[in-house]
Amino acid sequence: MSNVNPRRWWALLVLATAQFMVIMDTSIIGVALPEMQKDLGFSQGELQWVFNAYVIVFGGLLLLGGRLSDLVGARKVFVTGWSVMIAGSVLAAAAQTAWVEIAGRAVQGVGGALIAPSAMTLLMMLFMHDPKELGKAMALYGAAAPAGGTAGVFLGGVFTEWASWQWVFLLYVPIGLATLAATRLLPEVGSRRGAVDVLGAAAVTAGLALAVFAVVRAPEAGWGSTGTILQLIAAAALLVLFLVIQKSVREPLMPLGVRRIPRLGSANLAMALLGAAWIPMWYFLNLYLQQVLGYGAFASGAALLPMTVLLMVFMTAVTARLMAKVGAKPLVGGGLLVLAAGLVWLAAVEPTGTFLVDVLPASLVAALGMSLAYIPAMIAAMSGAPQEQAGLASGIVNTTYNVGSALGLAALTAVAMSQGADRLGDLPALTEGFSAAFIGAAVIAAVGGVVTLLVMKSDKAVAAAATPAPQGEKTAV
């Protein structure tokens, strides 16, 4: 026990703050979007890039961030990540044009991709000496995620309503500087030799960004236009190049052998579809509240609080207990189907609707589905992995969720625009467009739920596959 860090619980506070801020970064900008649109000249279709610029870079570089944490040292990567996050936040706050704003959000994504995996590595180092302490630390660290989402919705409304949208980014500067000052509490980790697959990271990030760009531009350029087809072909070629690189380099970001981990494939598919349904719902619900119902930024943020509070309560207090009783498969599949039901309900929104009738009950049902599915899907992806590949499995499933979020939002924005969501001021047309996006998200969630229930292995099957067979016997594949 001599190597136990006596300041580990204070260090956990630093790491949990990082998790809180990384997750808050995806929710705090939601209610600020209409004000940013007015000031920076975003079109209705381009507005999604304020969100997607962050999640594409964040998701595309997560595996690289984890690899750098192993090689350079997690504490150094954590410090670098926060420095980059602060720089991106200042750039986003100072933006006078749409493209500078998008650049700032991309830089924030780089910072998040360095912070998230290095924080998890540091947490494991601090608490791996005691499984009970590790479980408690993981629970506290995990609770920071829904707490960050909840705080982001509320603070985004407060700052946008009574200060300016720039403060949703400037908030990161004092918190980031305080976190950097507190990194002396974190353990120092020496570097080790190894190669960094920069080419692979560049290929996968560029491929994802180009795919989203092609989908975003397709409604205007035409799905069958030469430009759209060439962009999608180039995106596919970059993603294939990534797989070729992973097969050929000695130390890949994502060893292709991970496909043999039980449930990793089905859990990643579920996470991709979960992100593709949930994030567009959250995005278009913000726009419906402000652009159709006429809510201000603070009122819009407050309207989303019941949903985010339910998420936090269920994820931290209910889902884990249900998981212990019924396992991951029914919760992931059932949660996606509940989310689909909530989205179908939301699709009935009216131009003259009200929060209590059109938004609150449906959003709570959707949030219940999300809270049932998210953590079990994460656990399902990691539970079949050997200890030495647990970090890799975690990085892959986080990447998949972010990629699904970006592609889902791009596709459903195209659907919404084609149905009238680009006609600002025309309330019936806007509502019809948002309703179409909710229906599209419901289809995605329903497909995810059905496929999960059909394909994902049960917890007992995974346990059996992970147990070595007695000598002279073979396990069934």
Protein backbone atom coordinates (compact mmCIF):
# COMPACT_ATOMS: atom_id res chain seq x y z
CA MET A 1 0.00 0.00 0.00
CA SER A 2 3.09 2.26 0.01
CA ASN A 3 2.39 3.39 -3.53
CA VAL A 4 -1.12 4.63 -2.68
CA ASN A 5 -1.46 8.34 -3.41
CA PRO A 6 -2.63 10.05 -0.19
CA ARG A 7 -4.16 12.90 -2.23
CA ARG A 8 -5.99 10.63 -4.63
CA TRP A 9 -9.49 11.84 -3.72
CA TRP A 10 -8.48 15.46 -4.31
CA ALA A 11 -6.94 14.34 -7.59
CA LEU A 12 -10.25 12.66 -8.46
CA LEU A 13 -11.95 16.05 -8.02
CA VAL A 14 -9.61 17.49 -10.67
CA LEU A 15 -10.34 14.59 -13.04
CA ALA A 16 -14.09 14.73 -12.44
CA THR A 17 -14.01 18.47 -13.18
CA ALA A 18 -12.35 17.67 -16.50
CA GLN A 19 -15.06 15.11 -17.34
CA PHE A 20 -17.72 17.61 -16.28
CA MET A 21 -16.32 20.30 -18.58
CA VAL A 22 -15.75 18.03 -21.60
CA ILE A 23 -19.37 16.84 -21.49
CA MET A 24 -20.69 20.32 -20.72
CA ASP A 25 -19.01 21.54 -23.89
CA THR A 26 -21.50 19.54 -25.97
CA SER A 27 -24.57 20.88 -24.14
CA ILE A 28 -23.79 24.47 -23.14
CA ILE A 29 -23.84 25.79 -26.70
CA GLY A 30 -27.31 24.39 -27.48
CA VAL A 31 -29.45 27.23 -26.20
CA ALA A 32 -26.93 29.80 -27.49
CA LEU A 33 -27.21 28.62 -31.11
CA PRO A 34 -29.95 31.03 -32.30
CA GLU A 35 -28.04 34.06 -30.93
CA MET A 36 -24.81 32.84 -32.53
CA GLN A 37 -26.72 32.36 -35.78
CA LYS A 38 -27.88 36.00 -35.75
CA ASP A 39 -24.47 37.46 -34.87
CA LEU A 40 -22.23 35.31 -37.07
CA GLY A 41 -24.45 34.81 -40.11
CA PHE A 42 -24.88 31.03 -40.02
CA SER A 43 -27.57 29.68 -42.31
CA GLN A 44 -30.07 27.28 -40.77
CA GLY A 45 -28.25 24.34 -42.36
CA GLU A 46 -24.73 25.51 -41.46
CA LEU A 47 -25.59 26.05 -37.80
CA GLN A 48 -25.01 22.37 -37.00
CA TRP A 49 -21.27 22.88 -37.60
CA VAL A 50 -21.00 24.69 -34.27
CA PHE A 51 -21.75 21.29 -32.74
CA ASN A 52 -20.27 18.97 -35.37
CA ALA A 53 -16.89 20.71 -35.59
CA TYR A 54 -16.34 19.74 -31.96
CA VAL A 55 -17.64 16.18 -32.01
CA ILE A 56 -15.94 15.20 -35.29
CA VAL A 57 -12.50 16.30 -34.09
CA PHE A 58 -13.12 15.00 -30.57
CA GLY A 59 -14.30 11.61 -31.79
CA GLY A 60 -11.70 11.33 -34.53
CA LEU A 61 -8.75 12.04 -32.23
CA LEU A 62 -9.81 10.15 -29.08
CA LEU A 63 -7.76 7.08 -29.97
CA LEU A 64 -4.73 9.26 -30.70
CA GLY A 65 -5.20 10.99 -27.34
CA GLY A 66 -5.21 7.62 -25.60
CA ARG A 67 -2.07 6.52 -27.45
CA LEU A 68 -0.25 9.73 -26.56
CA SER A 69 -1.24 9.24 -22.91
CA ASP A 70 0.48 5.86 -22.96
CA LEU A 71 3.64 7.13 -24.65
CA VAL A 72 4.17 10.72 -23.48
CA GLY A 73 2.58 10.38 -20.05
CA ALA A 74 -1.04 10.95 -19.06
CA ARG A 75 -0.34 13.99 -16.89
CA LYS A 76 1.52 15.79 -19.67
CA VAL A 77 -1.26 15.03 -22.15
CA PHE A 78 -3.88 16.19 -19.62
CA VAL A 79 -2.08 19.52 -19.16
CA THR A 80 -1.63 19.93 -22.92
CA GLY A 81 -5.31 19.15 -23.49
CA TRP A 82 -6.45 21.84 -21.08
CA SER A 83 -4.08 24.37 -22.64
CA VAL A 84 -5.54 23.61 -26.08
CA MET A 85 -9.10 23.73 -24.70
CA ILE A 86 -8.50 27.20 -23.25
CA ALA A 87 -7.03 28.43 -26.54
CA GLY A 88 -9.98 27.05 -28.51
CA SER A 89 -12.45 28.64 -26.10
CA VAL A 90 -10.84 32.07 -26.47
CA LEU A 91 -10.88 31.71 -30.27
CA ALA A 92 -14.56 30.65 -30.29
CA ALA A 93 -15.53 33.54 -28.00
CA ALA A 94 -13.63 36.10 -30.12
CA ALA A 95 -15.05 34.89 -33.45
CA GLN A 96 -16.58 37.53 -35.72
CA THR A 97 -17.37 35.15 -38.59
CA ALA A 98 -18.94 31.71 -38.85
CA TRP A 99 -15.76 29.98 -40.04
CA VAL A 100 -13.63 31.35 -37.21
CA GLU A 101 -16.28 30.06 -34.79
CA ILE A 102 -16.11 26.62 -36.39
CA ALA A 103 -12.29 26.69 -36.15
CA GLY A 104 -12.50 27.54 -32.46
CA ARG A 105 -14.88 24.65 -31.87
CA ALA A 106 -12.51 22.29 -33.73
CA VAL A 107 -9.61 23.40 -31.52
CA GLN A 108 -11.80 22.74 -28.47
CA GLY A 109 -12.39 19.25 -29.88
CA VAL A 110 -8.63 18.64 -30.02
CA GLY A 111 -8.38 19.65 -26.37
CA GLY A 112 -11.25 17.38 -25.38
CA ALA A 113 -9.70 14.44 -27.24
CA LEU A 114 -6.52 14.85 -25.18
CA ILE A 115 -8.28 15.45 -21.85
CA ALA A 116 -10.78 12.57 -21.84
CA PRO A 117 -8.47 9.54 -22.30
CA SER A 118 -5.64 10.96 -20.19
CA ALA A 119 -8.07 11.64 -17.32
CA MET A 120 -9.28 8.02 -17.43
CA THR A 121 -5.69 6.75 -17.43
CA LEU A 122 -4.85 8.89 -14.40
CA LEU A 123 -7.95 7.70 -12.57
CA MET A 124 -6.96 4.07 -13.11
CA MET A 125 -3.46 4.77 -11.84
CA LEU A 126 -4.77 6.45 -8.69
CA PHE A 127 -7.27 3.76 -7.68
CA MET A 128 -6.29 0.47 -9.28
CA HIS A 129 -4.77 -0.69 -5.96
CA ASP A 130 -8.24 -1.33 -4.50
CA PRO A 131 -11.21 -2.63 -6.54
CA LYS A 132 -13.71 -1.14 -4.07
CA GLU A 133 -12.11 2.29 -4.22
CA LEU A 134 -11.86 2.03 -7.99
CA GLY A 135 -15.59 1.27 -8.24
CA LYS A 136 -16.45 4.23 -6.04
CA ALA A 137 -14.12 6.53 -7.99
CA MET A 138 -15.57 5.36 -11.31
CA ALA A 139 -19.11 6.04 -10.06
CA LEU A 140 -18.19 9.58 -8.98
CA TYR A 141 -16.31 10.21 -12.21
CA GLY A 142 -19.22 8.83 -14.25
CA ALA A 143 -21.70 11.05 -12.41
CA ALA A 144 -19.76 14.10 -13.60
CA ALA A 145 -20.94 13.42 -17.18
CA PRO A 146 -24.72 13.84 -16.70
CA ALA A 147 -24.01 16.62 -14.20
CA GLY A 148 -22.02 18.43 -16.90
CA GLY A 149 -24.83 17.98 -19.39
CA THR A 150 -27.36 19.37 -16.92
CA ALA A 151 -25.18 22.33 -15.92
CA GLY A 152 -24.46 23.10 -19.59
CA VAL A 153 -28.14 23.43 -20.46
CA PHE A 154 -28.76 25.75 -17.50
CA LEU A 155 -25.59 27.86 -17.75
CA GLY A 156 -25.94 28.23 -21.51
CA GLY A 157 -29.31 29.85 -20.94
CA VAL A 158 -28.08 32.06 -18.09
CA PHE A 159 -25.06 33.42 -19.96
CA THR A 160 -26.82 33.88 -23.30
CA GLU A 161 -29.85 35.61 -21.73
CA TRP A 162 -28.09 37.98 -19.32
CA ALA A 163 -24.58 38.36 -20.70
CA SER A 164 -23.79 37.15 -24.24
CA TRP A 165 -23.26 33.86 -26.05
CA GLN A 166 -19.49 34.48 -25.92
CA TRP A 167 -19.56 33.64 -22.20
CA VAL A 168 -20.49 30.02 -22.88
CA PHE A 169 -16.90 29.75 -24.14
CA LEU A 170 -15.14 32.22 -21.84
CA LEU A 171 -16.35 30.18 -18.87
CA TYR A 172 -13.68 27.62 -19.77
CA VAL A 173 -10.82 30.05 -19.24
CA PRO A 174 -10.96 30.50 -15.41
CA ILE A 175 -11.99 26.89 -14.83
CA GLY A 176 -9.24 25.66 -17.15
CA LEU A 177 -6.60 27.80 -15.45
CA ALA A 178 -7.73 26.59 -12.02
CA THR A 179 -7.57 22.98 -13.24
CA LEU A 180 -4.05 23.49 -14.60
CA ALA A 181 -2.98 24.95 -11.25
CA ALA A 182 -4.36 21.84 -9.50
CA THR A 183 -2.59 19.30 -11.74
CA ARG A 184 0.20 19.06 -9.16
CA LEU A 185 -2.19 16.71 -7.34
CA LEU A 186 -2.02 14.25 -10.23
CA PRO A 187 0.58 11.47 -10.42
CA GLU A 188 3.58 11.96 -12.65
CA VAL A 189 3.94 9.32 -15.34
CA GLY A 190 7.13 8.66 -17.23
CA SER A 191 7.19 8.42 -21.00
CA ARG A 192 8.04 5.25 -22.89
CA ARG A 193 9.18 4.37 -26.38
CA GLY A 194 6.69 3.73 -29.11
CA ALA A 195 5.31 5.00 -32.39
CA VAL A 196 2.41 7.40 -32.80
CA ASP A 197 0.10 6.66 -35.71
CA VAL A 198 -0.40 10.25 -36.80
CA LEU A 199 -1.25 9.25 -40.38
CA GLY A 200 -4.01 6.92 -39.19
CA ALA A 201 -5.47 9.62 -36.93
CA ALA A 202 -5.39 12.14 -39.79
CA ALA A 203 -7.06 9.68 -42.20
CA VAL A 204 -9.96 8.76 -39.90
CA THR A 205 -10.62 12.37 -38.80
CA ALA A 206 -10.47 13.72 -42.37
CA GLY A 207 -12.69 10.89 -43.63
CA LEU A 208 -15.36 11.55 -41.00
CA ALA A 209 -15.27 15.33 -41.55
CA LEU A 210 -15.58 14.95 -45.33
CA ALA A 211 -18.49 12.48 -44.96
CA VAL A 212 -20.40 14.89 -42.72
CA PHE A 213 -19.61 17.82 -45.02
CA ALA A 214 -20.94 15.89 -48.03
CA VAL A 215 -24.19 15.05 -46.23
CA VAL A 216 -24.61 18.65 -45.04
CA ARG A 217 -24.11 20.06 -48.53
CA ALA A 218 -26.11 17.40 -50.38
CA PRO A 219 -29.57 19.04 -50.07
CA GLU A 220 -28.23 22.20 -51.71
CA ALA A 221 -25.85 20.61 -54.23
CA GLY A 222 -28.03 17.55 -54.93
CA TRP A 223 -27.54 14.00 -53.71
CA GLY A 224 -26.72 12.84 -57.23
CA SER A 225 -24.43 15.75 -58.08
CA THR A 226 -20.84 15.11 -59.09
CA GLY A 227 -19.53 17.07 -56.10
CA THR A 228 -21.55 15.10 -53.53
CA ILE A 229 -20.64 11.74 -55.08
CA LEU A 230 -16.92 12.61 -55.25
CA GLN A 231 -16.93 13.83 -51.65
CA LEU A 232 -18.57 10.64 -50.39
CA ILE A 233 -16.16 8.49 -52.44
CA ALA A 234 -13.19 10.44 -51.04
CA ALA A 235 -14.54 10.06 -47.49
CA ALA A 236 -14.94 6.30 -47.96
CA ALA A 237 -11.42 6.09 -49.42
CA LEU A 238 -9.95 7.87 -46.40
CA LEU A 239 -11.73 5.51 -44.00
CA VAL A 240 -10.52 2.50 -45.99
CA LEU A 241 -7.01 4.01 -45.90
CA PHE A 242 -7.33 4.19 -42.12
CA LEU A 243 -8.10 0.45 -41.96
CA VAL A 244 -5.18 -0.33 -44.29
CA ILE A 245 -2.85 1.73 -42.10
CA GLN A 246 -4.07 -0.06 -38.97
CA LYS A 247 -3.29 -3.39 -40.61
CA SER A 248 0.19 -2.39 -41.81
CA VAL A 249 1.77 -0.36 -38.99
CA ARG A 250 3.47 -2.03 -36.03
CA GLU A 251 1.65 0.00 -33.35
CA PRO A 252 -1.78 0.97 -34.72
CA LEU A 253 -4.29 3.24 -33.04
CA MET A 254 -6.93 0.52 -33.35
CA PRO A 255 -5.60 -3.05 -33.69
CA LEU A 256 -8.05 -4.86 -35.97
CA GLY A 257 -8.03 -7.86 -33.63
CA VAL A 258 -10.38 -5.95 -31.31
CA ARG A 259 -13.26 -7.10 -33.50
CA ARG A 260 -13.06 -10.45 -31.66
CA ILE A 261 -14.01 -8.85 -28.33
CA PRO A 262 -17.51 -10.18 -27.44
CA ARG A 263 -20.29 -7.61 -27.92
CA LEU A 264 -17.89 -4.84 -29.01
CA GLY A 265 -19.40 -4.76 -32.51
CA SER A 266 -23.05 -4.84 -31.43
CA ALA A 267 -22.45 -2.35 -28.59
CA ASN A 268 -20.69 0.05 -30.97
CA LEU A 269 -23.56 -0.19 -33.45
CA ALA A 270 -26.00 0.56 -30.63
CA MET A 271 -23.91 3.54 -29.48
CA ALA A 272 -23.65 4.93 -33.02
CA LEU A 273 -27.42 4.76 -33.49
CA LEU A 274 -28.04 6.10 -29.99
CA GLY A 275 -25.90 9.17 -30.75
CA ALA A 276 -27.50 9.52 -34.20
CA ALA A 277 -30.96 9.69 -32.59
CA TRP A 278 -30.32 11.51 -29.30
CA ILE A 279 -28.13 14.43 -30.40
CA PRO A 280 -30.42 15.52 -33.29
CA MET A 281 -33.38 15.37 -30.88
CA TRP A 282 -31.60 17.66 -28.42
CA TYR A 283 -30.47 19.99 -31.23
CA PHE A 284 -33.86 20.39 -32.93
CA LEU A 285 -35.74 20.61 -29.64
CA ASN A 286 -33.62 23.66 -28.76
CA LEU A 287 -34.50 25.24 -32.10
CA TYR A 288 -38.23 24.42 -31.73
CA LEU A 289 -38.35 26.06 -28.30
CA GLN A 290 -36.69 29.27 -29.49
CA GLN A 291 -37.63 29.60 -33.16
CA VAL A 292 -41.22 28.34 -32.96
CA LEU A 293 -42.41 28.78 -29.37
CA GLY A 294 -40.44 32.03 -29.02
CA TYR A 295 -38.57 31.12 -25.84
CA GLY A 296 -35.56 33.19 -24.81
CA ALA A 297 -32.24 31.51 -24.12
CA PHE A 298 -32.78 31.17 -20.37
CA ALA A 299 -36.34 29.89 -20.73
CA SER A 300 -35.18 27.37 -23.33
CA GLY A 301 -32.42 26.10 -21.05
CA ALA A 302 -34.84 25.86 -18.13
CA ALA A 303 -37.30 23.94 -20.32
CA LEU A 304 -34.65 21.26 -20.94
CA LEU A 305 -33.68 20.92 -17.27
CA PRO A 306 -36.35 18.32 -16.35
CA MET A 307 -35.03 16.07 -19.11
CA THR A 308 -31.39 16.45 -18.10
CA VAL A 309 -32.15 16.03 -14.38
CA LEU A 310 -33.98 12.80 -15.14
CA LEU A 311 -30.94 11.65 -17.11
CA MET A 312 -28.60 12.39 -14.22
CA VAL A 313 -30.79 10.69 -11.61
CA PHE A 314 -31.43 7.54 -13.63
CA MET A 315 -27.86 7.14 -14.85
CA THR A 316 -26.38 7.46 -11.38
CA ALA A 317 -29.04 5.83 -9.18
CA VAL A 318 -31.27 3.50 -11.22
CA THR A 319 -29.59 2.10 -14.32
CA ALA A 320 -26.73 0.40 -12.47
CA ARG A 321 -29.18 -1.49 -10.25
CA LEU A 322 -31.25 -2.58 -13.24
CA MET A 323 -28.08 -3.68 -15.00
CA ALA A 324 -27.19 -5.96 -12.11
CA LYS A 325 -30.62 -7.61 -12.32
CA VAL A 326 -31.32 -7.95 -16.04
CA GLY A 327 -27.98 -7.34 -17.80
CA ALA A 328 -27.01 -5.00 -20.63
CA LYS A 329 -28.88 -6.41 -23.62
CA PRO A 330 -32.51 -5.72 -22.55
CA LEU A 331 -31.58 -2.27 -21.22
CA VAL A 332 -29.76 -1.18 -24.39
CA GLY A 333 -32.42 -2.57 -26.74
CA GLY A 334 -35.34 -1.50 -24.57
CA GLY A 335 -33.84 1.92 -23.93
CA LEU A 336 -33.48 2.59 -27.65
CA LEU A 337 -37.12 1.59 -28.21
CA VAL A 338 -38.28 3.88 -25.38
CA LEU A 339 -36.23 6.69 -26.94
CA ALA A 340 -37.95 5.99 -30.26
CA ALA A 341 -41.35 6.25 -28.57
CA GLY A 342 -40.45 9.61 -27.04
CA LEU A 343 -39.28 10.88 -30.44
CA VAL A 344 -42.51 9.82 -32.14
CA TRP A 345 -44.39 11.73 -29.44
CA LEU A 346 -42.18 14.80 -30.04
CA ALA A 347 -42.92 14.62 -33.76
CA ALA A 348 -46.49 15.68 -32.95
CA VAL A 349 -45.33 19.22 -32.01
CA GLU A 350 -47.51 22.07 -33.24
CA PRO A 351 -46.68 25.61 -34.40
CA THR A 352 -48.97 26.86 -31.61
CA GLY A 353 -47.88 24.22 -29.12
CA THR A 354 -47.01 24.60 -25.44
CA PHE A 355 -44.18 23.32 -23.30
CA LEU A 356 -46.40 21.32 -20.93
CA VAL A 357 -48.28 19.53 -23.70
CA ASP A 358 -45.89 19.31 -26.66
CA VAL A 359 -42.44 19.13 -25.04
CA LEU A 360 -42.28 18.06 -21.40
CA PRO A 361 -43.88 14.58 -21.40
CA ALA A 362 -42.30 13.48 -24.69
CA SER A 363 -38.84 14.75 -23.73
CA LEU A 364 -39.01 12.89 -20.40
CA VAL A 365 -39.87 9.64 -22.18
CA ALA A 366 -36.95 10.18 -24.59
CA ALA A 367 -34.59 10.96 -21.71
CA LEU A 368 -35.70 7.80 -19.91
CA GLY A 369 -34.76 5.76 -22.97
CA MET A 370 -31.35 7.44 -23.22
CA SER A 371 -30.63 6.90 -19.52
CA LEU A 372 -31.49 3.19 -19.80
CA ALA A 373 -29.34 2.57 -22.88
CA TYR A 374 -26.19 4.67 -22.61
CA ILE A 375 -24.25 3.24 -19.65
CA PRO A 376 -25.21 -0.42 -20.35
CA ALA A 377 -24.01 0.02 -23.95
CA MET A 378 -20.68 1.39 -22.68
CA ILE A 379 -20.32 -1.50 -20.24
CA ALA A 380 -21.32 -4.03 -22.89
CA ALA A 381 -18.57 -2.76 -25.18
CA MET A 382 -15.91 -3.09 -22.47
CA SER A 383 -17.02 -6.10 -20.44
CA GLY A 384 -15.77 -8.69 -22.91
CA ALA A 385 -12.38 -7.04 -23.40
CA PRO A 386 -9.25 -8.39 -21.68
CA GLN A 387 -7.72 -5.98 -19.18
CA GLU A 388 -4.98 -4.85 -21.56
CA GLN A 389 -7.59 -3.84 -24.17
CA ALA A 390 -10.18 -2.21 -21.89
CA GLY A 391 -8.87 1.29 -22.59
CA LEU A 392 -8.93 0.65 -26.33
CA ALA A 393 -12.49 -0.66 -26.17
CA SER A 394 -13.54 2.42 -24.21
CA GLY A 395 -11.90 4.72 -26.75
CA ILE A 396 -13.55 2.94 -29.68
CA VAL A 397 -17.06 3.09 -28.22
CA ASN A 398 -16.69 6.78 -27.31
CA THR A 399 -15.46 7.48 -30.83
CA THR A 400 -18.39 5.56 -32.29
CA TYR A 401 -20.92 7.55 -30.26
CA ASN A 402 -19.45 10.87 -31.41
CA VAL A 403 -19.24 9.76 -35.03
CA GLY A 404 -22.85 8.57 -34.92
CA SER A 405 -23.88 11.91 -33.39
CA ALA A 406 -22.18 13.91 -36.14
CA LEU A 407 -23.47 11.81 -39.04
CA GLY A 408 -26.97 11.58 -37.56
CA LEU A 409 -27.18 15.33 -37.06
CA ALA A 410 -25.93 15.97 -40.60
CA ALA A 411 -28.41 13.55 -42.15
CA LEU A 412 -31.40 14.72 -40.12
CA THR A 413 -30.54 18.37 -40.71
CA ALA A 414 -30.76 17.58 -44.43
CA VAL A 415 -34.16 15.96 -43.82
CA ALA A 416 -35.39 18.93 -41.75
CA MET A 417 -34.21 21.48 -44.34
CA SER A 418 -35.95 19.61 -47.14
CA GLN A 419 -39.22 19.76 -45.20
CA GLY A 420 -39.17 23.49 -44.44
CA ALA A 421 -36.84 24.00 -41.47
CA ASP A 422 -34.81 26.51 -43.49
CA ARG A 423 -37.72 29.00 -43.62
CA LEU A 424 -37.02 31.16 -40.58
CA GLY A 425 -40.15 33.03 -39.47
CA ASP A 426 -42.53 30.58 -41.15
CA LEU A 427 -43.71 28.73 -38.03
CA PRO A 428 -45.71 25.96 -39.75
CA ALA A 429 -42.83 25.21 -42.13
CA LEU A 430 -40.26 25.22 -39.30
CA THR A 431 -42.42 22.90 -37.23
CA GLU A 432 -42.92 20.52 -40.14
CA GLY A 433 -39.16 20.38 -40.69
CA PHE A 434 -38.39 19.75 -37.02
CA SER A 435 -41.14 17.11 -36.87
CA ALA A 436 -39.57 15.32 -39.84
CA ALA A 437 -36.22 15.29 -38.02
CA PHE A 438 -37.85 13.78 -34.90
CA ILE A 439 -39.45 11.05 -37.03
CA GLY A 440 -36.10 10.31 -38.67
CA ALA A 441 -34.43 10.08 -35.27
CA ALA A 442 -37.22 7.77 -34.06
CA VAL A 443 -36.60 5.41 -36.99
CA ILE A 444 -32.86 5.35 -36.19
CA ALA A 445 -33.52 4.59 -32.52
CA ALA A 446 -36.10 1.90 -33.32
CA VAL A 447 -33.74 0.16 -35.74
CA GLY A 448 -31.03 0.29 -33.08
CA GLY A 449 -33.33 -1.25 -30.47
CA VAL A 450 -34.51 -4.10 -32.68
CA VAL A 451 -31.01 -4.92 -33.95
CA THR A 452 -29.60 -4.88 -30.42
CA LEU A 453 -32.24 -7.30 -29.13
CA LEU A 454 -31.62 -9.60 -32.10
CA VAL A 455 -27.82 -9.48 -32.30
CA MET A 456 -26.22 -8.56 -28.97
CA LYS A 457 -25.05 -11.44 -26.80
CA SER A 458 -26.45 -11.74 -23.30
CA ASP A 459 -24.24 -11.20 -20.27
CA LYS A 460 -24.16 -14.95 -19.61
CA ALA A 461 -22.96 -15.62 -23.15
CA VAL A 462 -20.15 -13.09 -22.78
CA ALA A 463 -19.10 -14.55 -19.45
CA ALA A 464 -18.98 -18.01 -20.99
CA ALA A 465 -16.95 -16.78 -23.97
CA ALA A 466 -14.49 -15.05 -21.66
CA THR A 467 -13.97 -18.14 -19.45
CA PRO A 468 -11.08 -20.36 -20.56
CA ALA A 469 -12.19 -23.85 -21.52
CA PRO A 470 -10.85 -26.81 -19.50
CA GLN A 471 -7.78 -28.43 -20.97
CA GLY A 472 -8.65 -30.63 -23.91
CA GLU A 473 -11.97 -28.83 -24.61
CA LYS A 474 -12.90 -26.01 -26.94
CA THR A 475 -15.34 -23.19 -26.45
CA ALA A 476 -18.02 -22.56 -29.01
CA VAL A 477 -17.52 -19.49 -31.17
